[in-house]
Every structure is written in C-alpha cells, then in structure tokens.
Amino acid sequence: MGKDPTKPRGKMSSYAYFVQTCREEHKKKHPEATVNFSEFSKKCSERWKTMSANEKGKFEDMAKLDKARYEREMKNYIPPKGEKKKRFKDPNAPKRPPSAFFIFCAEYRPKVKEETPGLSIGDVAKRLGEMWNKTLAEEKQPFEKKAAKLKEKYEKTTPTIHASVHHSFSVSPRPWQHQRGNGLSSGERRIVLNIGLMAFSQPHLNKQHR
C-alpha cells in the first residue's frame, strides 16, 4: 500500500529542527556548495552537544508546537480502509503496577548479581525464576500484598481498566506479565517472560499454589 497523501506530516524533534536551521544557514552562506551529508551531520551533532539548555530551548519549543500540531491533526485523520489508526498513548497515564514476581525480582536482583557478578542477564533472570518457584506460598505473601496494593491504587487512577478480568483468576499474579519501572532491564523482562511461561506450563514447579 502506498503512502497516504492525506496523512498528517510526522512530528519533528528539537534536534531535527536544529539540523534544519543549520542547513538553511549553510545554504544562505554557501548557495553553490555541495554538502557532504555525513560530514555535515557529524558537525551538527558536535555543535548540538556543546549547546547550553538555553540555546536548545528555542528548538525544543518548536518541537512542542509541532507535536501539538501533529496530535491535533491525527485526531481528525481518517486512515484509508484496511489501515489502522494509530492510538495515542497518554504520557500522563500511570504506569501499570508490577506483579508480585516482578517486585520479588527487583528486590533480589542486586543480591544475585552481587553474589555471582559473572552471571549474564539471562542467567540472572533464570536464577530469579528458580528462586521464585522454590519460594513457599506464605513467603510470597508480602510481595503479593504489595502487588495488590499497587494494583488497587492503579485501578483507582485508571477507572477504564476492567477489573473483572484481573479477578477472574484464583492464582497469584502471573510472573510473566510485562511490567515497566520494576528495576529490570528490557532484556531481563523478555527472559523472565519465557521462564514464567515454562514454569506455569509445568504443574510440578508450582505446587505451592495448590
């Protein structure tokens, strides 16, 4: 499918506005000169790094105005048949609460890394998964209570969440749920996801829940 000509122009970053300004200035000073894009980009990057916050402010204001323009135009944009309209994520929306397992990982991850500093991200995540599976149900309760409180707070601030879906399971929060802001890197979250799926697909690893 070709590009839709009616689709609003994408938003520009503050740095993109800065580069555009540099190109315009260079063109005015050297209208006949041929620009080496690679070299020009390198110089722009070096100059941007040395600029103060006050100097960058003008370009950041331009980016904010353009972002507002883009979001306003996208609200009224109707995509062609067969193309899905991009959903805008509210930047002020609260982060999803971590599950009991992810709270457990955030607490024990530094200890595991300290005891075995040579472990890779994957091995650390695997070790945490094994520790969680060996933890007794009563020892998991503090993490589950904390997760429940965070979840309750989240649901109060986001009334659009269908709480009934979350309460339809009698087991404790699923350890493979993707969470943000829980102290784990994106690589560790992906590995923990796989470990959680394997653990819950093998009933003998989860006897504590019975």
Protein backbone atom coordinates (compact mmCIF):
# COMPACT_ATOMS: atom_id res chain seq x y z
CA MET A 1 0.00 0.00 0.00
CA GLY A 2 1.38 3.40 -0.98
CA LYS A 3 1.80 6.36 1.33
CA ASP A 4 -1.43 8.19 2.10
CA PRO A 5 -1.03 11.81 0.87
CA THR A 6 -3.71 12.99 3.31
CA LYS A 7 -1.92 11.66 6.37
CA PRO A 8 -0.51 14.45 8.61
CA ARG A 9 3.20 15.13 8.38
CA GLY A 10 5.16 13.44 11.15
CA LYS A 11 6.31 15.44 14.16
CA MET A 12 9.87 16.75 14.31
CA SER A 13 12.23 16.55 17.27
CA SER A 14 14.14 19.54 18.66
CA TYR A 15 17.34 18.17 17.15
CA ALA A 16 15.68 17.81 13.73
CA TYR A 17 14.70 21.49 13.88
CA PHE A 18 18.25 22.38 14.82
CA VAL A 19 19.69 20.45 11.84
CA GLN A 20 17.13 22.05 9.54
CA THR A 21 18.17 25.51 10.76
CA CYS A 22 21.84 24.66 10.23
CA ARG A 23 21.13 23.53 6.67
CA GLU A 24 19.27 26.74 5.92
CA GLU A 25 22.10 28.85 7.35
CA HIS A 26 24.70 26.91 5.38
CA LYS A 27 22.68 27.26 2.16
CA LYS A 28 22.48 31.05 2.61
CA LYS A 29 26.23 31.35 3.17
CA HIS A 30 27.26 28.82 0.51
CA PRO A 31 24.41 28.58 -2.05
CA GLU A 32 26.56 26.85 -4.68
CA ALA A 33 28.44 24.47 -2.37
CA THR A 34 27.81 20.73 -2.42
CA VAL A 35 27.05 19.39 1.05
CA ASN A 36 28.66 16.19 2.30
CA PHE A 37 25.75 14.83 4.32
CA SER A 38 27.86 12.56 6.56
CA GLU A 39 30.32 15.31 7.44
CA PHE A 40 27.56 17.88 7.87
CA SER A 41 25.61 15.60 10.23
CA LYS A 42 28.73 14.98 12.30
CA LYS A 43 29.35 18.72 12.70
CA CYS A 44 25.72 19.32 13.66
CA SER A 45 25.90 16.58 16.27
CA GLU A 46 29.11 18.00 17.77
CA ARG A 47 27.65 21.50 17.86
CA TRP A 48 24.42 20.27 19.47
CA LYS A 49 26.34 18.54 22.28
CA THR A 50 28.14 21.75 23.23
CA MET A 51 24.99 23.91 23.25
CA SER A 52 23.50 25.05 26.55
CA ALA A 53 19.95 24.25 27.65
CA ASN A 54 19.03 27.88 26.97
CA GLU A 55 20.33 27.66 23.39
CA LYS A 56 18.40 24.44 22.80
CA GLY A 57 15.24 25.94 24.28
CA LYS A 58 14.17 27.58 21.03
CA PHE A 59 14.26 24.28 19.16
CA GLU A 60 12.53 22.40 21.98
CA ASP A 61 9.69 24.94 21.88
CA MET A 62 9.40 24.41 18.12
CA ALA A 63 9.23 20.63 18.67
CA LYS A 64 6.50 21.01 21.31
CA LEU A 65 4.39 23.14 18.98
CA ASP A 66 4.87 20.65 16.16
CA LYS A 67 3.93 17.75 18.41
CA ALA A 68 0.71 19.53 19.39
CA ARG A 69 0.01 20.18 15.69
CA TYR A 70 0.61 16.53 14.81
CA GLU A 71 -1.62 15.17 17.59
CA ARG A 72 -4.37 17.64 16.69
CA GLU A 73 -4.27 16.65 13.02
CA MET A 74 -4.09 12.92 13.80
CA LYS A 75 -7.28 13.12 15.87
CA ASN A 76 -9.15 14.25 12.76
CA TYR A 77 -7.31 11.94 10.39
CA ILE A 78 -9.29 9.04 8.90
CA PRO A 79 -6.95 6.32 7.57
CA PRO A 80 -7.74 4.50 4.30
CA LYS A 81 -9.74 1.30 4.50
CA GLY A 82 -7.61 -1.57 5.79
CA GLU A 83 -5.18 0.68 7.67
CA LYS A 84 -5.45 1.01 11.44
CA LYS A 85 -5.39 4.40 13.08
CA LYS A 86 -2.50 4.81 15.49
CA ARG A 87 -3.58 5.01 19.11
CA PHE A 88 -2.05 7.80 21.13
CA LYS A 89 -0.65 6.86 24.49
CA ASP A 90 -1.34 9.36 27.23
CA PRO A 91 2.09 10.46 28.56
CA ASN A 92 0.44 11.33 31.89
CA ALA A 93 -1.15 7.90 32.32
CA PRO A 94 0.18 5.96 35.34
CA LYS A 95 2.47 3.00 34.73
CA ARG A 96 0.98 -0.47 35.06
CA PRO A 97 1.71 -1.92 38.52
CA PRO A 98 4.32 -4.70 38.79
CA SER A 99 3.23 -8.24 39.67
CA ALA A 100 4.36 -9.99 42.86
CA PHE A 101 7.03 -11.81 40.86
CA PHE A 102 8.50 -8.61 39.44
CA ILE A 103 8.58 -6.98 42.87
CA PHE A 104 10.43 -10.09 44.08
CA CYS A 105 12.90 -9.76 41.16
CA ALA A 106 13.51 -6.08 41.84
CA GLU A 107 14.37 -6.88 45.48
CA TYR A 108 16.59 -9.93 44.91
CA ARG A 109 18.25 -8.99 41.62
CA PRO A 110 21.01 -6.85 43.25
CA LYS A 111 21.75 -9.66 45.72
CA VAL A 112 22.04 -12.27 42.95
CA LYS A 113 24.34 -10.01 40.92
CA GLU A 114 26.47 -9.29 43.99
CA GLU A 115 26.85 -12.96 44.90
CA THR A 116 27.61 -14.03 41.31
CA PRO A 117 28.95 -10.98 39.43
CA GLY A 118 29.90 -13.02 36.37
CA LEU A 119 26.33 -14.03 35.51
CA SER A 120 24.82 -12.78 32.27
CA ILE A 121 21.46 -11.00 32.14
CA GLY A 122 19.83 -14.25 31.02
CA ASP A 123 21.39 -16.26 33.85
CA VAL A 124 20.35 -13.67 36.45
CA ALA A 125 16.76 -13.80 35.20
CA LYS A 126 16.85 -17.60 35.19
CA ARG A 127 18.17 -17.68 38.76
CA LEU A 128 15.41 -15.32 39.89
CA GLY A 129 12.81 -17.53 38.23
CA GLU A 130 14.18 -20.60 40.02
CA MET A 131 14.21 -18.75 43.35
CA TRP A 132 10.59 -17.68 42.89
CA ASN A 133 9.44 -21.20 42.03
CA LYS A 134 11.15 -22.57 45.18
CA THR A 135 9.65 -19.88 47.42
CA LEU A 136 6.84 -21.10 49.66
CA ALA A 137 3.35 -19.62 49.28
CA GLU A 138 3.47 -17.93 52.71
CA GLU A 139 6.85 -16.36 51.87
CA LYS A 140 5.37 -14.93 48.66
CA GLN A 141 2.56 -13.20 50.55
CA PRO A 142 4.45 -9.93 51.30
CA PHE A 143 5.16 -9.50 47.59
CA GLU A 144 1.60 -10.41 46.64
CA LYS A 145 0.18 -7.96 49.19
CA LYS A 146 2.39 -5.18 47.89
CA ALA A 147 1.39 -6.00 44.30
CA ALA A 148 -2.30 -5.98 45.32
CA LYS A 149 -1.95 -2.52 46.91
CA LEU A 150 -0.20 -1.12 43.84
CA LYS A 151 -2.84 -2.68 41.62
CA GLU A 152 -5.64 -1.18 43.71
CA LYS A 153 -4.03 2.25 43.52
CA TYR A 154 -3.58 1.88 39.76
CA GLU A 155 -7.22 0.90 39.21
CA LYS A 156 -8.40 3.90 41.22
CA THR A 157 -6.42 6.24 38.98
CA THR A 158 -7.45 4.44 35.79
CA PRO A 159 -11.21 3.77 36.00
CA THR A 160 -11.31 2.49 32.42
CA ILE A 161 -9.50 -0.71 33.41
CA HIS A 162 -11.79 -3.75 33.52
CA ALA A 163 -11.03 -5.04 37.00
CA SER A 164 -13.23 -8.09 36.46
CA VAL A 165 -10.69 -9.55 34.06
CA HIS A 166 -7.95 -9.40 36.67
CA HIS A 167 -10.10 -11.01 39.38
CA SER A 168 -11.21 -13.93 37.22
CA PHE A 169 -8.09 -15.92 38.17
CA SER A 170 -7.67 -17.52 41.59
CA VAL A 171 -3.89 -17.84 41.32
CA SER A 172 -1.44 -15.15 42.34
CA PRO A 173 -0.35 -12.53 39.74
CA ARG A 174 1.25 -14.12 36.71
CA PRO A 175 5.05 -13.71 36.82
CA TRP A 176 5.44 -13.34 33.10
CA GLN A 177 3.28 -10.21 32.83
CA HIS A 178 5.19 -7.42 31.15
CA GLN A 179 5.74 -4.56 33.58
CA ARG A 180 7.66 -1.29 33.44
CA GLY A 181 9.53 0.61 36.07
CA ASN A 182 10.24 -2.53 38.11
CA GLY A 183 14.04 -2.47 38.21
CA LEU A 184 14.54 -4.98 35.39
CA SER A 185 16.08 -4.24 32.03
CA SER A 186 14.11 -4.94 28.85
CA GLY A 187 16.38 -7.93 28.15
CA GLU A 188 15.72 -9.41 31.59
CA ARG A 189 11.96 -8.87 31.21
CA ARG A 190 11.94 -10.84 27.95
CA ILE A 191 13.87 -13.71 29.53
CA VAL A 192 11.72 -13.70 32.68
CA LEU A 193 8.67 -13.82 30.41
CA ASN A 194 9.90 -17.08 28.87
CA ILE A 195 10.84 -18.53 32.27
CA GLY A 196 7.41 -17.70 33.66
CA LEU A 197 5.66 -19.37 30.76
CA MET A 198 7.76 -22.52 31.18
CA ALA A 199 7.20 -22.59 34.94
CA PHE A 200 3.43 -22.35 34.69
CA SER A 201 3.27 -24.93 31.93
CA GLN A 202 4.86 -27.46 34.31
CA PRO A 203 2.48 -28.07 37.28
CA HIS A 204 5.13 -29.71 39.46
CA LEU A 205 7.04 -26.43 39.62
CA ASN A 206 4.09 -24.58 41.09
CA LYS A 207 2.77 -26.90 43.79
CA GLN A 208 2.78 -24.11 46.32
CA HIS A 209 -0.32 -22.60 44.71
CA ARG A 210 -2.39 -25.72 45.28
